[in-house]
């Protein structure tokens, strides 16, 4: 879950398409932890692997942060990074596009970490030469599924 520190209405056409949210809960551990502050770009394009902010499908006053796993016919399939926590698309299905508010760009607190690398950087970090460096891709915001 997430708690917005922005005035109401910021996500719906405020002056800037950016906002701040605070992480509540453990569903995104190890990527995010309780108390982390995030910079969100509202309306940003979503792609698989991105960390996104959305309104819960059954409780739309609740903001939630999850990872976009894949695009499905009903919307985005969004999953927790902490897989034992199943309060994600496994319990409420695909999230419609109109409930997905934006993409998390950066964790600001406690230590800044970029969470939204560009496609070129992502491909470079996943190339065989750099993929051999343990943890490099993840430290630079590329989600690598652990097997």
N, C-alpha and C. Protein backbone atom coordinates (compact mmCIF):
# COMPACT_ATOMS: atom_id res chain seq x y z
N UNK A 1 0.84 -1.18 0.00
CA UNK A 1 0.00 0.00 0.00
C UNK A 1 0.88 1.24 0.00
N UNK A 2 0.25 2.36 -0.28
CA UNK A 2 0.98 3.61 -0.31
C UNK A 2 0.10 4.71 0.25
N UNK A 3 0.74 5.71 0.80
CA UNK A 3 0.03 6.86 1.33
C UNK A 3 0.56 8.08 0.57
N UNK A 4 -0.35 8.82 -0.06
CA UNK A 4 0.06 9.97 -0.85
C UNK A 4 0.33 11.16 0.05
N UNK A 5 1.38 11.91 -0.25
CA UNK A 5 1.67 13.14 0.48
C UNK A 5 1.34 14.35 -0.40
N UNK A 6 0.70 14.09 -1.54
CA UNK A 6 0.32 15.15 -2.46
C UNK A 6 -1.09 15.61 -2.19
N UNK A 7 -1.42 16.86 -2.50
CA UNK A 7 -2.80 17.31 -2.36
C UNK A 7 -3.72 16.49 -3.25
N UNK A 8 -4.96 16.27 -2.82
CA UNK A 8 -5.94 15.54 -3.62
C UNK A 8 -6.10 16.22 -4.97
N UNK A 9 -6.15 15.44 -6.03
CA UNK A 9 -6.33 15.99 -7.36
C UNK A 9 -5.03 16.11 -8.14
N UNK A 10 -3.88 15.97 -7.51
CA UNK A 10 -2.59 16.09 -8.20
C UNK A 10 -2.49 15.07 -9.34
N UNK A 11 -2.94 13.85 -9.09
CA UNK A 11 -2.84 12.81 -10.11
C UNK A 11 -3.81 13.03 -11.25
N UNK A 12 -4.80 13.88 -11.07
CA UNK A 12 -5.81 14.08 -12.09
C UNK A 12 -5.67 15.42 -12.79
N UNK A 13 -4.49 15.81 -13.11
CA UNK A 13 -4.34 17.02 -13.91
C UNK A 13 -3.79 18.21 -13.17
N UNK A 14 -3.03 17.98 -12.12
CA UNK A 14 -2.38 19.09 -11.43
C UNK A 14 -1.34 19.72 -12.33
N UNK A 15 -0.65 20.73 -11.82
CA UNK A 15 0.32 21.47 -12.62
C UNK A 15 1.48 20.59 -13.09
N UNK A 16 1.97 19.72 -12.25
CA UNK A 16 3.08 18.85 -12.61
C UNK A 16 2.62 17.40 -12.54
N UNK A 17 3.14 16.55 -13.42
CA UNK A 17 2.71 15.14 -13.40
C UNK A 17 3.48 14.29 -12.40
N UNK A 18 4.03 14.89 -11.35
CA UNK A 18 4.82 14.16 -10.36
C UNK A 18 4.19 14.26 -8.99
N UNK A 19 4.41 13.25 -8.16
CA UNK A 19 3.91 13.27 -6.80
C UNK A 19 4.77 12.40 -5.91
N UNK A 20 4.52 12.51 -4.62
CA UNK A 20 5.24 11.71 -3.64
C UNK A 20 4.28 10.77 -2.94
N UNK A 21 4.74 9.55 -2.69
CA UNK A 21 3.97 8.59 -1.90
C UNK A 21 4.91 7.92 -0.91
N UNK A 22 4.35 7.52 0.22
CA UNK A 22 5.10 6.78 1.23
C UNK A 22 4.62 5.34 1.23
N UNK A 23 5.55 4.40 1.34
CA UNK A 23 5.23 2.98 1.34
C UNK A 23 4.73 2.57 2.72
N UNK A 24 3.63 1.80 2.71
CA UNK A 24 3.06 1.24 3.93
C UNK A 24 2.93 -0.26 3.70
N UNK A 25 3.51 -1.06 4.56
CA UNK A 25 3.40 -2.51 4.42
C UNK A 25 4.66 -3.15 3.84
N UNK A 26 4.60 -4.49 3.72
CA UNK A 26 5.79 -5.27 3.33
C UNK A 26 5.65 -5.97 1.98
N UNK A 27 4.65 -5.65 1.19
CA UNK A 27 4.40 -6.43 -0.02
C UNK A 27 5.46 -6.24 -1.10
N UNK A 28 6.27 -5.19 -1.03
CA UNK A 28 7.27 -4.95 -2.08
C UNK A 28 8.71 -5.19 -1.59
N UNK A 29 8.88 -5.82 -0.43
CA UNK A 29 10.21 -6.18 0.06
C UNK A 29 10.75 -7.24 -0.90
N UNK A 30 11.98 -7.19 -1.37
CA UNK A 30 13.10 -6.40 -0.90
C UNK A 30 13.28 -5.06 -1.62
N UNK A 31 12.49 -4.79 -2.67
CA UNK A 31 12.67 -3.56 -3.44
C UNK A 31 12.32 -2.33 -2.62
N UNK A 32 11.18 -2.37 -1.94
CA UNK A 32 10.71 -1.24 -1.14
C UNK A 32 10.35 -1.72 0.25
N UNK A 33 10.54 -0.83 1.22
CA UNK A 33 10.23 -1.16 2.61
C UNK A 33 9.32 -0.10 3.21
N UNK A 34 8.67 -0.47 4.29
CA UNK A 34 7.79 0.46 5.00
C UNK A 34 8.55 1.75 5.31
N UNK A 35 7.92 2.88 5.00
CA UNK A 35 8.53 4.18 5.27
C UNK A 35 9.30 4.77 4.10
N UNK A 36 9.57 3.98 3.05
CA UNK A 36 10.25 4.53 1.88
C UNK A 36 9.38 5.62 1.26
N UNK A 37 10.00 6.67 0.78
CA UNK A 37 9.29 7.73 0.05
C UNK A 37 9.64 7.60 -1.42
N UNK A 38 8.61 7.65 -2.27
CA UNK A 38 8.76 7.41 -3.70
C UNK A 38 8.33 8.63 -4.51
N UNK A 39 9.02 8.83 -5.63
CA UNK A 39 8.63 9.84 -6.60
C UNK A 39 7.89 9.12 -7.73
N UNK A 40 6.66 9.56 -8.00
CA UNK A 40 5.81 8.93 -9.00
C UNK A 40 5.58 9.91 -10.14
N UNK A 41 5.64 9.40 -11.36
CA UNK A 41 5.25 10.21 -12.52
C UNK A 41 3.88 9.73 -12.96
N UNK A 42 2.87 10.58 -12.71
CA UNK A 42 1.51 10.25 -13.08
C UNK A 42 1.35 10.25 -14.60
N UNK A 43 0.63 9.25 -15.11
CA UNK A 43 0.38 9.17 -16.54
C UNK A 43 1.53 8.64 -17.37
N UNK A 44 2.62 8.22 -16.73
CA UNK A 44 3.78 7.70 -17.47
C UNK A 44 3.42 6.37 -18.12
N UNK A 45 4.03 6.08 -19.27
CA UNK A 45 3.76 4.78 -19.90
C UNK A 45 4.24 3.64 -19.00
N UNK A 46 3.47 2.58 -18.97
CA UNK A 46 3.78 1.41 -18.14
C UNK A 46 4.27 0.31 -19.06
N UNK A 47 5.27 -0.42 -18.59
CA UNK A 47 5.74 -1.60 -19.32
C UNK A 47 6.05 -2.68 -18.29
N UNK A 48 6.09 -3.93 -18.73
CA UNK A 48 6.37 -5.01 -17.79
C UNK A 48 7.69 -4.76 -17.05
N UNK A 49 7.66 -5.02 -15.75
CA UNK A 49 8.83 -4.82 -14.91
C UNK A 49 8.80 -3.51 -14.14
N UNK A 50 7.94 -2.57 -14.56
CA UNK A 50 7.87 -1.27 -13.89
C UNK A 50 7.16 -1.38 -12.55
N UNK A 51 7.57 -0.55 -11.60
CA UNK A 51 6.87 -0.42 -10.32
C UNK A 51 5.84 0.68 -10.54
N UNK A 52 4.58 0.38 -10.22
CA UNK A 52 3.49 1.31 -10.52
C UNK A 52 2.66 1.65 -9.28
N UNK A 53 1.99 2.79 -9.36
CA UNK A 53 1.03 3.23 -8.34
C UNK A 53 -0.35 3.12 -8.96
N UNK A 54 -1.29 2.52 -8.23
CA UNK A 54 -2.65 2.36 -8.76
C UNK A 54 -3.66 2.40 -7.63
N UNK A 55 -4.91 2.56 -8.01
CA UNK A 55 -6.03 2.49 -7.06
C UNK A 55 -6.48 1.04 -6.98
N UNK A 56 -6.69 0.56 -5.75
CA UNK A 56 -7.13 -0.81 -5.53
C UNK A 56 -8.47 -1.01 -6.24
N UNK A 57 -8.63 -2.11 -6.99
CA UNK A 57 -9.87 -2.33 -7.74
C UNK A 57 -11.13 -2.40 -6.89
N UNK A 58 -11.04 -2.86 -5.65
CA UNK A 58 -12.23 -3.02 -4.81
C UNK A 58 -12.37 -1.92 -3.76
N UNK A 59 -11.34 -1.12 -3.57
CA UNK A 59 -11.34 -0.06 -2.55
C UNK A 59 -10.57 1.12 -3.15
N UNK A 60 -11.22 1.89 -3.99
CA UNK A 60 -10.51 2.85 -4.83
C UNK A 60 -9.95 4.06 -4.09
N UNK A 61 -10.24 4.21 -2.81
CA UNK A 61 -9.58 5.26 -2.04
C UNK A 61 -8.22 4.79 -1.52
N UNK A 62 -7.89 3.53 -1.76
CA UNK A 62 -6.63 2.93 -1.31
C UNK A 62 -5.62 2.93 -2.45
N UNK A 63 -4.47 3.58 -2.25
CA UNK A 63 -3.40 3.58 -3.24
C UNK A 63 -2.47 2.41 -2.96
N UNK A 64 -2.01 1.75 -4.02
CA UNK A 64 -1.19 0.55 -3.89
C UNK A 64 0.00 0.65 -4.84
N UNK A 65 1.15 0.13 -4.40
CA UNK A 65 2.35 0.06 -5.23
C UNK A 65 2.67 -1.41 -5.47
N UNK A 66 2.77 -1.79 -6.74
CA UNK A 66 3.12 -3.17 -7.13
C UNK A 66 3.96 -3.13 -8.39
N UNK A 67 4.42 -4.30 -8.82
CA UNK A 67 5.20 -4.42 -10.05
C UNK A 67 4.29 -4.89 -11.17
N UNK A 68 4.38 -4.21 -12.31
CA UNK A 68 3.61 -4.60 -13.50
C UNK A 68 4.26 -5.84 -14.10
N UNK A 69 3.58 -6.97 -14.04
CA UNK A 69 4.13 -8.22 -14.55
C UNK A 69 3.87 -8.36 -16.05
N UNK A 70 2.62 -8.13 -16.45
CA UNK A 70 2.28 -8.26 -17.87
C UNK A 70 0.96 -7.59 -18.17
N UNK A 71 0.78 -7.28 -19.44
CA UNK A 71 -0.47 -6.70 -19.93
C UNK A 71 -1.40 -7.83 -20.29
N UNK A 72 -2.63 -7.79 -19.78
CA UNK A 72 -3.63 -8.80 -20.11
C UNK A 72 -4.86 -8.11 -20.69
N UNK A 73 -5.81 -8.90 -21.13
CA UNK A 73 -6.98 -8.32 -21.78
C UNK A 73 -7.77 -7.39 -20.86
N UNK A 74 -7.82 -7.67 -19.56
CA UNK A 74 -8.58 -6.83 -18.63
C UNK A 74 -7.78 -5.68 -18.03
N UNK A 75 -6.51 -5.57 -18.35
CA UNK A 75 -5.66 -4.52 -17.79
C UNK A 75 -4.28 -5.06 -17.45
N UNK A 76 -3.68 -4.53 -16.40
CA UNK A 76 -2.33 -4.93 -15.99
C UNK A 76 -2.38 -5.98 -14.90
N UNK A 77 -1.55 -7.00 -15.03
CA UNK A 77 -1.36 -8.02 -13.98
C UNK A 77 -0.26 -7.48 -13.08
N UNK A 78 -0.60 -7.15 -11.84
CA UNK A 78 0.31 -6.49 -10.91
C UNK A 78 0.62 -7.42 -9.75
N UNK A 79 1.92 -7.60 -9.46
CA UNK A 79 2.35 -8.55 -8.43
C UNK A 79 3.22 -7.89 -7.37
N UNK A 80 3.19 -8.47 -6.19
CA UNK A 80 4.08 -8.07 -5.10
C UNK A 80 5.46 -8.63 -5.36
N UNK A 81 6.51 -7.91 -4.97
CA UNK A 81 7.86 -8.46 -5.05
C UNK A 81 8.06 -9.50 -3.95
N UNK A 82 7.37 -9.34 -2.84
CA UNK A 82 7.40 -10.28 -1.73
C UNK A 82 6.34 -11.34 -2.02
N UNK A 83 6.72 -12.38 -2.76
CA UNK A 83 5.75 -13.34 -3.31
C UNK A 83 4.83 -14.02 -2.31
N UNK A 84 5.24 -14.29 -1.05
CA UNK A 84 4.26 -14.87 -0.13
C UNK A 84 3.07 -13.94 0.15
N UNK A 85 3.24 -12.64 -0.06
CA UNK A 85 2.12 -11.70 0.11
C UNK A 85 1.31 -11.75 -1.18
N UNK A 86 0.07 -12.23 -1.07
CA UNK A 86 -0.72 -12.41 -2.28
C UNK A 86 -1.85 -11.38 -2.43
N UNK A 87 -1.70 -10.23 -1.80
CA UNK A 87 -2.69 -9.16 -1.99
C UNK A 87 -2.31 -8.38 -3.25
N UNK A 88 -2.47 -9.04 -4.39
CA UNK A 88 -2.11 -8.47 -5.68
C UNK A 88 -3.06 -9.06 -6.71
N UNK A 89 -2.69 -9.07 -7.97
CA UNK A 89 -3.59 -9.56 -9.02
C UNK A 89 -3.96 -11.03 -8.84
N UNK A 90 -3.21 -11.77 -8.06
CA UNK A 90 -3.58 -13.15 -7.78
C UNK A 90 -4.88 -13.21 -6.99
N UNK A 91 -5.21 -12.15 -6.25
CA UNK A 91 -6.46 -12.14 -5.48
C UNK A 91 -7.54 -11.26 -6.10
N UNK A 92 -7.19 -10.22 -6.87
CA UNK A 92 -8.23 -9.35 -7.44
C UNK A 92 -8.19 -9.24 -8.96
N UNK A 93 -7.35 -10.01 -9.62
CA UNK A 93 -7.33 -10.03 -11.08
C UNK A 93 -6.58 -8.86 -11.69
N UNK A 94 -6.71 -8.74 -13.00
CA UNK A 94 -6.03 -7.66 -13.73
C UNK A 94 -6.63 -6.31 -13.32
N UNK A 95 -5.78 -5.31 -13.23
CA UNK A 95 -6.20 -3.97 -12.83
C UNK A 95 -6.45 -3.15 -14.09
N UNK A 96 -7.66 -2.60 -14.24
CA UNK A 96 -7.98 -1.81 -15.43
C UNK A 96 -7.04 -0.61 -15.59
N UNK A 97 -6.78 -0.24 -16.83
CA UNK A 97 -5.87 0.87 -17.14
C UNK A 97 -6.23 2.16 -16.43
N UNK A 98 -7.53 2.45 -16.29
CA UNK A 98 -7.92 3.72 -15.68
C UNK A 98 -7.62 3.79 -14.18
N UNK A 99 -7.30 2.65 -13.56
CA UNK A 99 -6.92 2.66 -12.14
C UNK A 99 -5.42 2.76 -11.93
N UNK A 100 -4.63 2.54 -13.00
CA UNK A 100 -3.18 2.65 -12.91
C UNK A 100 -2.82 4.12 -13.07
N UNK A 101 -2.29 4.72 -12.00
CA UNK A 101 -2.06 6.17 -11.96
C UNK A 101 -0.73 6.59 -12.56
N UNK A 102 0.32 5.78 -12.34
CA UNK A 102 1.62 6.19 -12.84
C UNK A 102 2.71 5.21 -12.49
N UNK A 103 3.91 5.60 -12.88
CA UNK A 103 5.10 4.76 -12.70
C UNK A 103 5.99 5.36 -11.61
N UNK A 104 6.49 4.50 -10.74
CA UNK A 104 7.44 4.95 -9.71
C UNK A 104 8.79 5.12 -10.38
N UNK A 105 9.34 6.33 -10.26
CA UNK A 105 10.63 6.63 -10.88
C UNK A 105 11.81 6.42 -9.94
N UNK A 106 11.60 6.81 -8.68
CA UNK A 106 12.74 6.94 -7.78
C UNK A 106 12.31 6.71 -6.35
N UNK A 107 13.13 5.98 -5.60
CA UNK A 107 12.96 5.93 -4.14
C UNK A 107 13.83 7.06 -3.61
N UNK A 108 13.22 8.00 -2.92
CA UNK A 108 13.95 9.16 -2.39
C UNK A 108 14.51 8.92 -1.00
N UNK A 109 13.79 8.16 -0.20
CA UNK A 109 14.17 7.95 1.18
C UNK A 109 14.03 6.47 1.49
N UNK A 110 14.93 5.85 2.20
CA UNK A 110 16.02 6.42 3.00
C UNK A 110 17.26 6.74 2.18
N UNK A 111 17.47 6.07 1.06
CA UNK A 111 18.64 6.31 0.22
C UNK A 111 18.15 6.32 -1.21
N UNK A 112 18.44 7.36 -1.98
CA UNK A 112 17.92 7.43 -3.34
C UNK A 112 18.35 6.23 -4.20
N UNK A 113 17.36 5.66 -4.90
CA UNK A 113 17.58 4.55 -5.82
C UNK A 113 16.67 4.76 -7.02
N UNK A 114 17.23 4.71 -8.22
CA UNK A 114 16.46 4.86 -9.44
C UNK A 114 15.70 3.56 -9.70
N UNK A 115 14.39 3.64 -9.95
CA UNK A 115 13.58 2.45 -10.16
C UNK A 115 13.01 2.35 -11.57
N UNK A 116 13.38 3.28 -12.45
CA UNK A 116 12.78 3.29 -13.78
C UNK A 116 13.82 3.56 -14.86
N UNK A 117 14.72 2.63 -15.12
CA UNK A 117 15.71 2.85 -16.17
C UNK A 117 15.05 2.85 -17.54
N UNK A 118 15.66 3.53 -18.48
CA UNK A 118 15.18 3.52 -19.86
C UNK A 118 15.40 2.16 -20.50
N UNK A 119 14.74 1.93 -21.62
CA UNK A 119 14.84 0.63 -22.29
C UNK A 119 16.26 0.30 -22.73
N UNK A 120 16.99 1.31 -23.22
CA UNK A 120 18.37 1.04 -23.66
C UNK A 120 19.26 0.62 -22.51
N UNK A 121 19.16 1.34 -21.39
CA UNK A 121 19.97 0.99 -20.22
C UNK A 121 19.58 -0.40 -19.72
N UNK A 122 18.30 -0.69 -19.72
CA UNK A 122 17.84 -2.00 -19.27
C UNK A 122 18.43 -3.12 -20.15
N UNK A 123 18.38 -2.94 -21.46
CA UNK A 123 18.95 -3.96 -22.36
C UNK A 123 20.46 -4.12 -22.12
N UNK A 124 21.14 -2.99 -21.93
CA UNK A 124 22.58 -3.03 -21.70
C UNK A 124 22.91 -3.79 -20.42
N UNK A 125 22.15 -3.52 -19.35
CA UNK A 125 22.41 -4.18 -18.07
C UNK A 125 22.09 -5.67 -18.09
N UNK A 126 21.21 -6.08 -18.99
CA UNK A 126 20.85 -7.49 -19.08
C UNK A 126 21.67 -8.24 -20.13
N UNK A 127 22.53 -7.52 -20.86
CA UNK A 127 23.40 -8.16 -21.85
C UNK A 127 24.38 -9.07 -21.13
N UNK A 128 24.84 -10.12 -21.78
CA UNK A 128 25.69 -11.13 -21.12
C UNK A 128 26.89 -10.56 -20.36
N UNK A 129 27.55 -9.57 -20.92
CA UNK A 129 28.76 -9.06 -20.27
C UNK A 129 28.44 -8.41 -18.91
N UNK A 130 27.44 -7.53 -18.86
CA UNK A 130 27.10 -6.85 -17.60
C UNK A 130 26.24 -7.71 -16.69
N UNK A 131 25.51 -8.66 -17.25
CA UNK A 131 24.65 -9.52 -16.44
C UNK A 131 25.47 -10.39 -15.49
N UNK A 132 26.76 -10.55 -15.77
CA UNK A 132 27.63 -11.35 -14.89
C UNK A 132 28.00 -10.62 -13.61
N UNK A 133 27.81 -9.30 -13.58
CA UNK A 133 28.15 -8.53 -12.37
C UNK A 133 27.00 -8.70 -11.39
N UNK A 134 27.24 -9.38 -10.26
CA UNK A 134 26.14 -9.68 -9.32
C UNK A 134 25.45 -8.42 -8.80
N UNK A 135 24.12 -8.38 -8.97
CA UNK A 135 23.32 -7.31 -8.39
C UNK A 135 23.36 -5.98 -9.12
N UNK A 136 24.16 -5.84 -10.18
CA UNK A 136 24.28 -4.55 -10.85
C UNK A 136 22.94 -4.09 -11.44
N UNK A 137 22.29 -4.96 -12.19
CA UNK A 137 21.02 -4.59 -12.83
C UNK A 137 20.00 -4.17 -11.78
N UNK A 138 19.86 -4.92 -10.72
CA UNK A 138 18.87 -4.59 -9.69
C UNK A 138 19.19 -3.27 -9.01
N UNK A 139 20.48 -3.01 -8.75
CA UNK A 139 20.86 -1.74 -8.11
C UNK A 139 20.53 -0.54 -8.98
N UNK A 140 20.46 -0.75 -10.30
CA UNK A 140 20.15 0.35 -11.21
C UNK A 140 18.69 0.31 -11.68
N UNK A 141 17.85 -0.43 -10.97
CA UNK A 141 16.42 -0.38 -11.21
C UNK A 141 15.85 -1.35 -12.20
N UNK A 142 16.63 -2.32 -12.65
CA UNK A 142 16.12 -3.33 -13.58
C UNK A 142 15.67 -4.52 -12.76
N UNK A 143 14.41 -4.91 -12.94
CA UNK A 143 13.89 -6.05 -12.21
C UNK A 143 14.38 -7.33 -12.86
N UNK A 144 15.03 -8.17 -12.07
CA UNK A 144 15.53 -9.47 -12.54
C UNK A 144 14.85 -10.53 -11.68
N UNK A 145 14.04 -11.36 -12.32
CA UNK A 145 13.33 -12.41 -11.60
C UNK A 145 14.34 -13.41 -11.05
N UNK A 146 14.28 -13.66 -9.75
CA UNK A 146 15.18 -14.64 -9.14
C UNK A 146 14.61 -16.02 -9.33
N UNK A 147 15.45 -16.95 -9.76
CA UNK A 147 15.00 -18.32 -10.02
C UNK A 147 15.29 -19.21 -8.86
